[in-house]
Amino acid sequence: MIELMFYRLSLKHLNHFPPIDDTLRDIILQWMKDSAGLDAVIEQVRQAFADVKLEDGIGLIEAQGLDDYLSGDALAEFRASDERDDWQRLTVDTLNACESSPCFMDAKGLCFILPALLIAILNDQYYHGPITYLLHRMPAGLFSILTAKQKSAIVACLELTKKHPFLDAQDVAEIDDMIAHVQ
């Protein structure tokens, strides 16, 4: 499984690599064409998850407290500091600092942070694994509370990822399995 992917490659990035052969240049240029719909996929995620609230779910900060074995008043303070109304207020810095949090969240919490994570990944701003790694960590209960629009947005992210030139056949098969699971 690929550990790190870049979605927003451009010709200027090619100048930062050591001299590369024409084959690699062609692969990167093809990805640039394939990823032309990246901004449309990000907008699809934004729209699909626009009204999602954390409600009584376990939030990003509370989950970090659970990971740190906090309880009682200390955990209540973490819970009180969680963003609960607008996932777009979750900063990339917070997402990266709380990278273990998804392991400690419930389905409502994951549904709340998922769009922020997907967008951060697609913008090359989340440094803790690709979309496939993130979705493998999601509990089965998450997919049962997602709407059809939300599932479609996740599938759009996966379909775009499937075209990435750094993936091998096993990665693509894994993404296909994940798409079937989400739908």
N, C-alpha and C. Protein backbone atom coordinates (compact mmCIF):
# COMPACT_ATOMS: atom_id res chain seq x y z
N MET A 1 0.84 -1.18 0.00
CA MET A 1 0.00 0.00 0.00
C MET A 1 0.89 1.24 0.00
N ILE A 2 0.55 2.16 -0.83
CA ILE A 2 1.33 3.40 -0.94
C ILE A 2 1.18 4.20 0.35
N GLU A 3 2.26 4.76 0.84
CA GLU A 3 2.24 5.49 2.10
C GLU A 3 1.93 6.97 1.93
N LEU A 4 2.35 7.56 0.83
CA LEU A 4 2.16 8.99 0.64
C LEU A 4 1.88 9.25 -0.83
N MET A 5 0.88 10.04 -1.10
CA MET A 5 0.55 10.37 -2.48
C MET A 5 0.43 11.88 -2.60
N PHE A 6 0.71 12.35 -3.78
CA PHE A 6 0.52 13.77 -4.06
C PHE A 6 -0.53 13.89 -5.15
N TYR A 7 -1.56 14.67 -4.89
CA TYR A 7 -2.64 14.85 -5.84
C TYR A 7 -2.41 16.07 -6.73
N ARG A 8 -1.79 17.08 -6.18
CA ARG A 8 -1.67 18.34 -6.90
C ARG A 8 -0.29 18.49 -7.52
N LEU A 9 0.07 17.56 -8.40
CA LEU A 9 1.33 17.66 -9.14
C LEU A 9 1.15 18.61 -10.31
N SER A 10 2.20 19.34 -10.63
CA SER A 10 2.16 20.22 -11.80
C SER A 10 3.54 20.21 -12.44
N LEU A 11 3.64 20.87 -13.56
CA LEU A 11 4.93 20.92 -14.26
C LEU A 11 6.02 21.53 -13.40
N LYS A 12 5.68 22.48 -12.55
CA LYS A 12 6.71 23.09 -11.71
C LYS A 12 7.31 22.06 -10.75
N HIS A 13 6.52 21.03 -10.37
CA HIS A 13 7.06 19.99 -9.50
C HIS A 13 8.13 19.17 -10.21
N LEU A 14 7.99 19.03 -11.50
CA LEU A 14 8.97 18.24 -12.25
C LEU A 14 10.36 18.85 -12.16
N ASN A 15 10.44 20.15 -12.01
CA ASN A 15 11.73 20.82 -11.92
C ASN A 15 12.44 20.54 -10.60
N HIS A 16 11.70 20.07 -9.59
CA HIS A 16 12.29 19.79 -8.29
C HIS A 16 12.85 18.38 -8.20
N PHE A 17 12.51 17.53 -9.16
CA PHE A 17 13.01 16.17 -9.17
C PHE A 17 14.35 16.14 -9.89
N PRO A 18 15.16 15.12 -9.59
CA PRO A 18 16.36 14.95 -10.41
C PRO A 18 15.93 14.70 -11.85
N PRO A 19 16.84 14.79 -12.79
CA PRO A 19 16.43 14.54 -14.17
C PRO A 19 15.65 13.23 -14.28
N ILE A 20 14.52 13.30 -14.97
CA ILE A 20 13.68 12.11 -15.09
C ILE A 20 13.53 11.75 -16.55
N ASP A 21 13.26 10.48 -16.75
CA ASP A 21 13.11 10.04 -18.14
C ASP A 21 11.74 10.42 -18.67
N ASP A 22 11.58 10.25 -19.96
CA ASP A 22 10.33 10.65 -20.61
C ASP A 22 9.14 9.84 -20.11
N THR A 23 9.36 8.58 -19.74
CA THR A 23 8.27 7.74 -19.27
C THR A 23 7.66 8.32 -17.99
N LEU A 24 8.51 8.67 -17.03
CA LEU A 24 8.01 9.25 -15.79
C LEU A 24 7.34 10.59 -16.05
N ARG A 25 7.92 11.38 -16.91
CA ARG A 25 7.32 12.67 -17.25
C ARG A 25 5.93 12.44 -17.86
N ASP A 26 5.80 11.46 -18.74
CA ASP A 26 4.50 11.16 -19.36
C ASP A 26 3.48 10.69 -18.32
N ILE A 27 3.94 9.89 -17.36
CA ILE A 27 3.05 9.41 -16.30
C ILE A 27 2.52 10.58 -15.48
N ILE A 28 3.41 11.49 -15.13
CA ILE A 28 3.00 12.65 -14.33
C ILE A 28 2.08 13.56 -15.14
N LEU A 29 2.38 13.74 -16.40
CA LEU A 29 1.51 14.57 -17.24
C LEU A 29 0.12 13.94 -17.38
N GLN A 30 0.07 12.61 -17.49
CA GLN A 30 -1.22 11.93 -17.57
C GLN A 30 -2.01 12.12 -16.27
N TRP A 31 -1.32 12.03 -15.14
CA TRP A 31 -2.00 12.26 -13.86
C TRP A 31 -2.56 13.67 -13.79
N MET A 32 -1.81 14.62 -14.29
CA MET A 32 -2.29 16.00 -14.28
C MET A 32 -3.60 16.12 -15.05
N LYS A 33 -3.72 15.37 -16.15
CA LYS A 33 -4.99 15.37 -16.90
C LYS A 33 -6.08 14.65 -16.11
N ASP A 34 -5.73 13.47 -15.55
CA ASP A 34 -6.71 12.68 -14.81
C ASP A 34 -7.22 13.40 -13.57
N SER A 35 -6.35 14.20 -12.96
CA SER A 35 -6.74 14.88 -11.72
C SER A 35 -7.36 16.25 -11.96
N ALA A 36 -7.67 16.55 -13.20
CA ALA A 36 -8.27 17.85 -13.52
C ALA A 36 -9.59 18.05 -12.78
N GLY A 37 -10.27 16.97 -12.43
CA GLY A 37 -11.53 17.06 -11.71
C GLY A 37 -11.39 17.13 -10.20
N LEU A 38 -10.17 17.30 -9.72
CA LEU A 38 -9.91 17.33 -8.28
C LEU A 38 -10.76 18.37 -7.55
N ASP A 39 -10.80 19.57 -8.05
CA ASP A 39 -11.57 20.63 -7.38
C ASP A 39 -13.07 20.32 -7.39
N ALA A 40 -13.54 19.68 -8.45
CA ALA A 40 -14.96 19.30 -8.51
C ALA A 40 -15.27 18.23 -7.46
N VAL A 41 -14.35 17.30 -7.25
CA VAL A 41 -14.55 16.26 -6.23
C VAL A 41 -14.57 16.90 -4.84
N ILE A 42 -13.65 17.84 -4.60
CA ILE A 42 -13.62 18.54 -3.31
C ILE A 42 -14.94 19.28 -3.08
N GLU A 43 -15.45 19.92 -4.10
CA GLU A 43 -16.73 20.63 -3.96
C GLU A 43 -17.87 19.64 -3.72
N GLN A 44 -17.81 18.48 -4.35
CA GLN A 44 -18.82 17.45 -4.11
C GLN A 44 -18.81 17.01 -2.64
N VAL A 45 -17.62 16.85 -2.07
CA VAL A 45 -17.50 16.51 -0.65
C VAL A 45 -18.10 17.62 0.20
N ARG A 46 -17.74 18.85 -0.09
CA ARG A 46 -18.26 20.00 0.69
C ARG A 46 -19.80 20.02 0.69
N GLN A 47 -20.37 19.85 -0.47
CA GLN A 47 -21.83 19.90 -0.58
C GLN A 47 -22.50 18.71 0.11
N ALA A 48 -21.93 17.53 -0.07
CA ALA A 48 -22.54 16.33 0.50
C ALA A 48 -22.55 16.35 2.03
N PHE A 49 -21.53 16.95 2.62
CA PHE A 49 -21.40 16.96 4.08
C PHE A 49 -21.72 18.34 4.68
N ALA A 50 -22.28 19.24 3.90
CA ALA A 50 -22.49 20.63 4.33
C ALA A 50 -23.23 20.77 5.66
N ASP A 51 -24.22 19.97 5.89
CA ASP A 51 -25.06 20.14 7.08
C ASP A 51 -24.73 19.18 8.22
N VAL A 52 -23.64 18.45 8.11
CA VAL A 52 -23.29 17.47 9.13
C VAL A 52 -22.84 18.18 10.41
N LYS A 53 -23.39 17.75 11.52
CA LYS A 53 -23.03 18.26 12.86
C LYS A 53 -22.48 17.08 13.67
N LEU A 54 -21.68 17.39 14.67
CA LEU A 54 -21.13 16.34 15.54
C LEU A 54 -22.21 15.77 16.46
N GLU A 55 -23.16 16.59 16.84
CA GLU A 55 -24.23 16.19 17.77
C GLU A 55 -23.61 15.61 19.04
N ASP A 56 -24.00 14.39 19.42
CA ASP A 56 -23.47 13.79 20.65
C ASP A 56 -22.32 12.83 20.37
N GLY A 57 -21.74 12.93 19.18
CA GLY A 57 -20.64 12.04 18.82
C GLY A 57 -19.34 12.39 19.52
N ILE A 58 -18.38 11.50 19.40
CA ILE A 58 -17.04 11.72 19.95
C ILE A 58 -16.25 12.53 18.94
N GLY A 59 -15.84 13.72 19.35
CA GLY A 59 -15.12 14.63 18.46
C GLY A 59 -13.62 14.36 18.42
N LEU A 60 -12.97 15.13 17.59
CA LEU A 60 -11.54 14.99 17.33
C LEU A 60 -10.70 15.16 18.60
N ILE A 61 -10.98 16.19 19.38
CA ILE A 61 -10.20 16.48 20.57
C ILE A 61 -10.52 15.48 21.68
N GLU A 62 -11.80 15.17 21.86
CA GLU A 62 -12.17 14.18 22.86
C GLU A 62 -11.51 12.84 22.55
N ALA A 63 -11.50 12.46 21.29
CA ALA A 63 -10.87 11.19 20.89
C ALA A 63 -9.38 11.21 21.21
N GLN A 64 -8.76 12.36 21.04
CA GLN A 64 -7.34 12.47 21.40
C GLN A 64 -7.17 12.25 22.90
N GLY A 65 -8.10 12.77 23.70
CA GLY A 65 -8.08 12.54 25.14
C GLY A 65 -8.25 11.07 25.48
N LEU A 66 -9.13 10.38 24.75
CA LEU A 66 -9.30 8.95 24.96
C LEU A 66 -8.00 8.20 24.63
N ASP A 67 -7.35 8.61 23.57
CA ASP A 67 -6.07 8.01 23.20
C ASP A 67 -5.02 8.23 24.30
N ASP A 68 -5.13 9.36 24.98
CA ASP A 68 -4.19 9.69 26.06
C ASP A 68 -4.64 9.15 27.42
N TYR A 69 -5.67 8.30 27.41
CA TYR A 69 -6.20 7.65 28.62
C TYR A 69 -6.77 8.65 29.64
N LEU A 70 -7.30 9.76 29.16
CA LEU A 70 -7.92 10.73 30.06
C LEU A 70 -9.31 10.24 30.45
N SER A 71 -9.78 10.70 31.58
CA SER A 71 -11.14 10.38 32.01
C SER A 71 -11.65 11.52 32.88
N GLY A 72 -12.89 11.42 33.29
CA GLY A 72 -13.47 12.39 34.21
C GLY A 72 -13.43 13.82 33.70
N ASP A 73 -13.02 14.73 34.59
CA ASP A 73 -13.01 16.16 34.27
C ASP A 73 -12.08 16.50 33.12
N ALA A 74 -10.93 15.83 33.08
CA ALA A 74 -9.96 16.13 32.01
C ALA A 74 -10.56 15.79 30.65
N LEU A 75 -11.22 14.64 30.55
CA LEU A 75 -11.85 14.25 29.29
C LEU A 75 -13.02 15.18 28.96
N ALA A 76 -13.76 15.59 29.98
CA ALA A 76 -14.88 16.52 29.77
C ALA A 76 -14.38 17.85 29.21
N GLU A 77 -13.22 18.30 29.65
CA GLU A 77 -12.64 19.54 29.11
C GLU A 77 -12.29 19.37 27.63
N PHE A 78 -11.72 18.23 27.30
CA PHE A 78 -11.40 17.96 25.89
C PHE A 78 -12.68 17.96 25.06
N ARG A 79 -13.71 17.27 25.58
CA ARG A 79 -14.98 17.20 24.86
C ARG A 79 -15.57 18.60 24.66
N ALA A 80 -15.49 19.42 25.68
CA ALA A 80 -16.05 20.78 25.61
C ALA A 80 -15.33 21.64 24.58
N SER A 81 -14.07 21.32 24.29
CA SER A 81 -13.31 22.14 23.34
C SER A 81 -13.48 21.68 21.89
N ASP A 82 -14.22 20.59 21.69
CA ASP A 82 -14.43 20.09 20.33
C ASP A 82 -15.34 21.00 19.52
N GLU A 83 -15.01 21.17 18.24
CA GLU A 83 -15.92 21.82 17.29
C GLU A 83 -17.08 20.86 17.08
N ARG A 84 -18.31 21.37 17.18
CA ARG A 84 -19.47 20.49 17.07
C ARG A 84 -20.42 20.87 15.93
N ASP A 85 -20.28 22.08 15.41
CA ASP A 85 -21.28 22.57 14.46
C ASP A 85 -20.82 22.66 13.01
N ASP A 86 -19.55 22.93 12.78
CA ASP A 86 -19.09 23.18 11.41
C ASP A 86 -17.74 22.51 11.18
N TRP A 87 -17.75 21.38 10.49
CA TRP A 87 -16.52 20.62 10.25
C TRP A 87 -15.50 21.45 9.45
N GLN A 88 -15.96 22.47 8.73
CA GLN A 88 -15.03 23.29 7.95
C GLN A 88 -14.14 24.16 8.84
N ARG A 89 -14.48 24.25 10.11
CA ARG A 89 -13.63 24.98 11.07
C ARG A 89 -12.47 24.12 11.58
N LEU A 90 -12.49 22.83 11.29
CA LEU A 90 -11.39 21.96 11.71
C LEU A 90 -10.17 22.30 10.85
N THR A 91 -9.10 22.73 11.48
CA THR A 91 -7.92 23.14 10.73
C THR A 91 -7.08 21.93 10.34
N VAL A 92 -6.31 22.11 9.30
CA VAL A 92 -5.39 21.06 8.86
C VAL A 92 -4.39 20.75 9.97
N ASP A 93 -3.93 21.77 10.67
CA ASP A 93 -2.99 21.55 11.78
C ASP A 93 -3.61 20.66 12.85
N THR A 94 -4.87 20.90 13.17
CA THR A 94 -5.55 20.07 14.18
C THR A 94 -5.73 18.65 13.68
N LEU A 95 -6.12 18.49 12.42
CA LEU A 95 -6.28 17.15 11.85
C LEU A 95 -4.97 16.37 11.92
N ASN A 96 -3.88 17.01 11.58
CA ASN A 96 -2.58 16.34 11.61
C ASN A 96 -2.11 16.06 13.03
N ALA A 97 -2.39 16.98 13.95
CA ALA A 97 -1.98 16.79 15.35
C ALA A 97 -2.77 15.66 16.02
N CYS A 98 -3.99 15.44 15.55
CA CYS A 98 -4.87 14.43 16.15
C CYS A 98 -5.01 13.21 15.24
N GLU A 99 -3.92 12.81 14.62
CA GLU A 99 -3.99 11.76 13.61
C GLU A 99 -4.47 10.42 14.15
N SER A 100 -4.32 10.16 15.44
CA SER A 100 -4.80 8.89 15.99
C SER A 100 -6.28 8.95 16.38
N SER A 101 -6.86 10.12 16.39
CA SER A 101 -8.24 10.29 16.85
C SER A 101 -9.26 9.40 16.14
N PRO A 102 -9.18 9.22 14.82
CA PRO A 102 -10.21 8.38 14.18
C PRO A 102 -10.34 6.99 14.78
N CYS A 103 -9.28 6.46 15.36
CA CYS A 103 -9.33 5.13 15.99
C CYS A 103 -10.20 5.12 17.24
N PHE A 104 -10.47 6.29 17.81
CA PHE A 104 -11.19 6.38 19.08
C PHE A 104 -12.55 7.06 18.93
N MET A 105 -12.97 7.29 17.70
CA MET A 105 -14.22 8.01 17.46
C MET A 105 -15.35 7.04 17.14
N ASP A 106 -16.55 7.50 17.40
CA ASP A 106 -17.73 6.74 17.01
C ASP A 106 -18.16 7.17 15.60
N ALA A 107 -19.20 6.53 15.09
CA ALA A 107 -19.63 6.81 13.71
C ALA A 107 -20.02 8.27 13.51
N LYS A 108 -20.71 8.87 14.48
CA LYS A 108 -21.10 10.28 14.34
C LYS A 108 -19.88 11.19 14.28
N GLY A 109 -18.90 10.92 15.11
CA GLY A 109 -17.68 11.72 15.10
C GLY A 109 -16.93 11.59 13.80
N LEU A 110 -16.86 10.37 13.30
CA LEU A 110 -16.16 10.15 12.03
C LEU A 110 -16.89 10.78 10.86
N CYS A 111 -18.20 10.71 10.88
CA CYS A 111 -18.98 11.35 9.82
C CYS A 111 -18.73 12.86 9.82
N PHE A 112 -18.52 13.43 11.01
CA PHE A 112 -18.28 14.86 11.14
C PHE A 112 -16.90 15.26 10.62
N ILE A 113 -15.87 14.48 10.93
CA ILE A 113 -14.51 14.88 10.51
C ILE A 113 -14.13 14.37 9.13
N LEU A 114 -14.86 13.37 8.63
CA LEU A 114 -14.48 12.75 7.36
C LEU A 114 -14.33 13.75 6.21
N PRO A 115 -15.26 14.67 6.00
CA PRO A 115 -15.07 15.59 4.87
C PRO A 115 -13.82 16.46 5.02
N ALA A 116 -13.53 16.90 6.24
CA ALA A 116 -12.32 17.70 6.45
C ALA A 116 -11.07 16.88 6.14
N LEU A 117 -11.08 15.61 6.55
CA LEU A 117 -9.94 14.74 6.26
C LEU A 117 -9.80 14.47 4.77
N LEU A 118 -10.91 14.17 4.11
CA LEU A 118 -10.85 13.89 2.67
C LEU A 118 -10.30 15.09 1.91
N ILE A 119 -10.78 16.27 2.24
CA ILE A 119 -10.33 17.48 1.55
C ILE A 119 -8.85 17.75 1.85
N ALA A 120 -8.43 17.55 3.09
CA ALA A 120 -7.02 17.74 3.43
C ALA A 120 -6.14 16.76 2.66
N ILE A 121 -6.59 15.52 2.53
CA ILE A 121 -5.83 14.52 1.77
C ILE A 121 -5.74 14.93 0.31
N LEU A 122 -6.87 15.32 -0.27
CA LEU A 122 -6.88 15.69 -1.69
C LEU A 122 -6.07 16.96 -1.96
N ASN A 123 -5.88 17.78 -0.94
CA ASN A 123 -5.07 19.00 -1.08
C ASN A 123 -3.62 18.78 -0.63
N ASP A 124 -3.24 17.51 -0.44
CA ASP A 124 -1.86 17.16 -0.02
C ASP A 124 -1.48 17.83 1.29
N GLN A 125 -2.42 17.93 2.23
CA GLN A 125 -2.15 18.59 3.50
C GLN A 125 -2.28 17.67 4.71
N TYR A 126 -2.67 16.43 4.50
CA TYR A 126 -2.78 15.46 5.60
C TYR A 126 -1.66 14.45 5.41
N TYR A 127 -0.84 14.29 6.43
CA TYR A 127 0.42 13.56 6.27
C TYR A 127 0.43 12.18 6.91
N HIS A 128 -0.73 11.62 7.18
CA HIS A 128 -0.77 10.36 7.91
C HIS A 128 -1.40 9.23 7.11
N GLY A 129 -1.17 9.22 5.84
CA GLY A 129 -1.65 8.13 5.01
C GLY A 129 -2.67 8.57 3.98
N PRO A 130 -2.79 7.78 2.94
CA PRO A 130 -3.74 8.09 1.86
C PRO A 130 -5.18 7.79 2.26
N ILE A 131 -6.09 8.11 1.38
CA ILE A 131 -7.52 7.89 1.62
C ILE A 131 -7.80 6.44 1.99
N THR A 132 -7.14 5.51 1.31
CA THR A 132 -7.39 4.09 1.58
C THR A 132 -7.06 3.74 3.02
N TYR A 133 -5.96 4.26 3.53
CA TYR A 133 -5.56 4.00 4.92
C TYR A 133 -6.60 4.59 5.87
N LEU A 134 -7.03 5.78 5.60
CA LEU A 134 -8.03 6.44 6.44
C LEU A 134 -9.32 5.63 6.48
N LEU A 135 -9.82 5.22 5.33
CA LEU A 135 -11.10 4.51 5.28
C LEU A 135 -11.02 3.12 5.88
N HIS A 136 -9.85 2.51 5.87
CA HIS A 136 -9.69 1.21 6.53
C HIS A 136 -9.88 1.33 8.04
N ARG A 137 -9.64 2.50 8.59
CA ARG A 137 -9.73 2.70 10.03
C ARG A 137 -11.15 3.04 10.47
N MET A 138 -12.06 3.18 9.55
CA MET A 138 -13.43 3.57 9.87
C MET A 138 -14.23 2.35 10.33
N PRO A 139 -15.04 2.53 11.37
CA PRO A 139 -15.89 1.42 11.81
C PRO A 139 -17.02 1.18 10.81
N ALA A 140 -17.48 -0.04 10.77
CA ALA A 140 -18.55 -0.39 9.83
C ALA A 140 -19.79 0.48 10.03
N GLY A 141 -20.06 0.88 11.26
CA GLY A 141 -21.24 1.69 11.55
C GLY A 141 -21.27 3.02 10.84
N LEU A 142 -20.09 3.52 10.45
CA LEU A 142 -20.05 4.81 9.77
C LEU A 142 -20.83 4.76 8.47
N PHE A 143 -20.63 3.74 7.69
CA PHE A 143 -21.24 3.69 6.37
C PHE A 143 -22.76 3.57 6.44
N SER A 144 -23.27 3.05 7.54
CA SER A 144 -24.73 2.93 7.67
C SER A 144 -25.41 4.27 7.95
N ILE A 145 -24.67 5.27 8.45
CA ILE A 145 -25.30 6.57 8.73
C ILE A 145 -25.06 7.59 7.63
N LEU A 146 -24.28 7.24 6.63
CA LEU A 146 -24.01 8.17 5.53
C LEU A 146 -25.19 8.23 4.57
N THR A 147 -25.43 9.40 4.03
CA THR A 147 -26.47 9.55 3.01
C THR A 147 -25.93 9.07 1.66
N ALA A 148 -26.82 8.92 0.70
CA ALA A 148 -26.40 8.52 -0.65
C ALA A 148 -25.43 9.55 -1.24
N LYS A 149 -25.69 10.85 -1.02
CA LYS A 149 -24.80 11.90 -1.53
C LYS A 149 -23.41 11.81 -0.89
N GLN A 150 -23.37 11.51 0.40
CA GLN A 150 -22.09 11.40 1.09
C GLN A 150 -21.31 10.19 0.59
N LYS A 151 -22.00 9.08 0.42
CA LYS A 151 -21.33 7.88 -0.12
C LYS A 151 -20.81 8.16 -1.53
N SER A 152 -21.61 8.85 -2.33
CA SER A 152 -21.20 9.19 -3.69
C SER A 152 -19.94 10.07 -3.69
N ALA A 153 -19.86 11.00 -2.74
CA ALA A 153 -18.68 11.87 -2.64
C ALA A 153 -17.44 11.06 -2.26
N ILE A 154 -17.60 10.12 -1.34
CA ILE A 154 -16.48 9.26 -0.96
C ILE A 154 -16.04 8.42 -2.14
N VAL A 155 -17.00 7.87 -2.86
CA VAL A 155 -16.67 7.07 -4.05
C VAL A 155 -15.95 7.93 -5.09
N ALA A 156 -16.36 9.17 -5.27
CA ALA A 156 -15.68 10.07 -6.21
C ALA A 156 -14.22 10.27 -5.81
N CYS A 157 -13.96 10.41 -4.51
CA CYS A 157 -12.58 10.52 -4.02
C CYS A 157 -11.80 9.26 -4.34
N LEU A 158 -12.42 8.12 -4.12
CA LEU A 158 -11.75 6.84 -4.37
C LEU A 158 -11.51 6.62 -5.86
N GLU A 159 -12.50 6.96 -6.68
CA GLU A 159 -12.33 6.80 -8.14
C GLU A 159 -11.18 7.67 -8.65
N LEU A 160 -11.08 8.88 -8.15
CA LEU A 160 -9.98 9.75 -8.53
C LEU A 160 -8.65 9.15 -8.06
N THR A 161 -8.62 8.68 -6.84
CA THR A 161 -7.40 8.09 -6.29
C THR A 161 -6.97 6.88 -7.10
N LYS A 162 -7.93 6.12 -7.59
CA LYS A 162 -7.64 4.91 -8.37
C LYS A 162 -6.81 5.20 -9.61
N LYS A 163 -6.91 6.40 -10.13
CA LYS A 163 -6.18 6.78 -11.34
C LYS A 163 -4.75 7.22 -11.05
N HIS A 164 -4.39 7.33 -9.78
CA HIS A 164 -3.08 7.86 -9.41
C HIS A 164 -1.96 6.97 -9.94
N PRO A 165 -0.95 7.55 -10.56
CA PRO A 165 0.11 6.75 -11.19
C PRO A 165 1.00 6.01 -10.20
N PHE A 166 0.98 6.36 -8.93
CA PHE A 166 1.86 5.70 -7.97
C PHE A 166 1.24 4.45 -7.36
N LEU A 167 0.02 4.11 -7.78
CA LEU A 167 -0.65 2.92 -7.25
C LEU A 167 -0.31 1.71 -8.10
N ASP A 168 -0.24 0.55 -7.43
CA ASP A 168 -0.03 -0.69 -8.16
C ASP A 168 -1.37 -1.44 -8.23
N ALA A 169 -1.35 -2.61 -8.85
CA ALA A 169 -2.58 -3.38 -9.06
C ALA A 169 -3.25 -3.75 -7.73
N GLN A 170 -2.46 -4.06 -6.72
CA GLN A 170 -3.02 -4.40 -5.41
C GLN A 170 -3.73 -3.20 -4.79
N ASP A 171 -3.14 -2.02 -4.92
CA ASP A 171 -3.78 -0.80 -4.41
C ASP A 171 -5.11 -0.55 -5.10
N VAL A 172 -5.13 -0.72 -6.41
CA VAL A 172 -6.36 -0.49 -7.18
C VAL A 172 -7.43 -1.50 -6.77
N ALA A 173 -7.04 -2.77 -6.59
CA ALA A 173 -7.99 -3.79 -6.15
C ALA A 173 -8.56 -3.46 -4.77
N GLU A 174 -7.71 -2.95 -3.90
CA GLU A 174 -8.14 -2.55 -2.56
C GLU A 174 -9.15 -1.39 -2.64
N ILE A 175 -8.89 -0.45 -3.52
CA ILE A 175 -9.82 0.67 -3.70
C ILE A 175 -11.15 0.18 -4.26
N ASP A 176 -11.10 -0.75 -5.22
CA ASP A 176 -12.33 -1.32 -5.76
C ASP A 176 -13.15 -2.00 -4.66
N ASP A 177 -12.48 -2.73 -3.77
CA ASP A 177 -13.17 -3.37 -2.65
C ASP A 177 -13.81 -2.33 -1.74
N MET A 178 -13.07 -1.25 -1.50
CA MET A 178 -13.57 -0.19 -0.64
C MET A 178 -14.79 0.49 -1.28
N ILE A 179 -14.74 0.71 -2.58
CA ILE A 179 -15.87 1.32 -3.28
C ILE A 179 -17.11 0.44 -3.12
N ALA A 180 -16.94 -0.86 -3.30
CA ALA A 180 -18.06 -1.78 -3.14
C ALA A 180 -18.60 -1.74 -1.71
N HIS A 181 -17.71 -1.60 -0.74
CA HIS A 181 -18.12 -1.55 0.68
C HIS A 181 -18.89 -0.26 0.99
N VAL A 182 -18.43 0.85 0.44
CA VAL A 182 -19.08 2.14 0.70
C VAL A 182 -20.48 2.17 0.08
N GLN A 183 -20.61 1.64 -1.11
CA GLN A 183 -21.89 1.68 -1.81
C GLN A 183 -22.82 0.70 -1.17
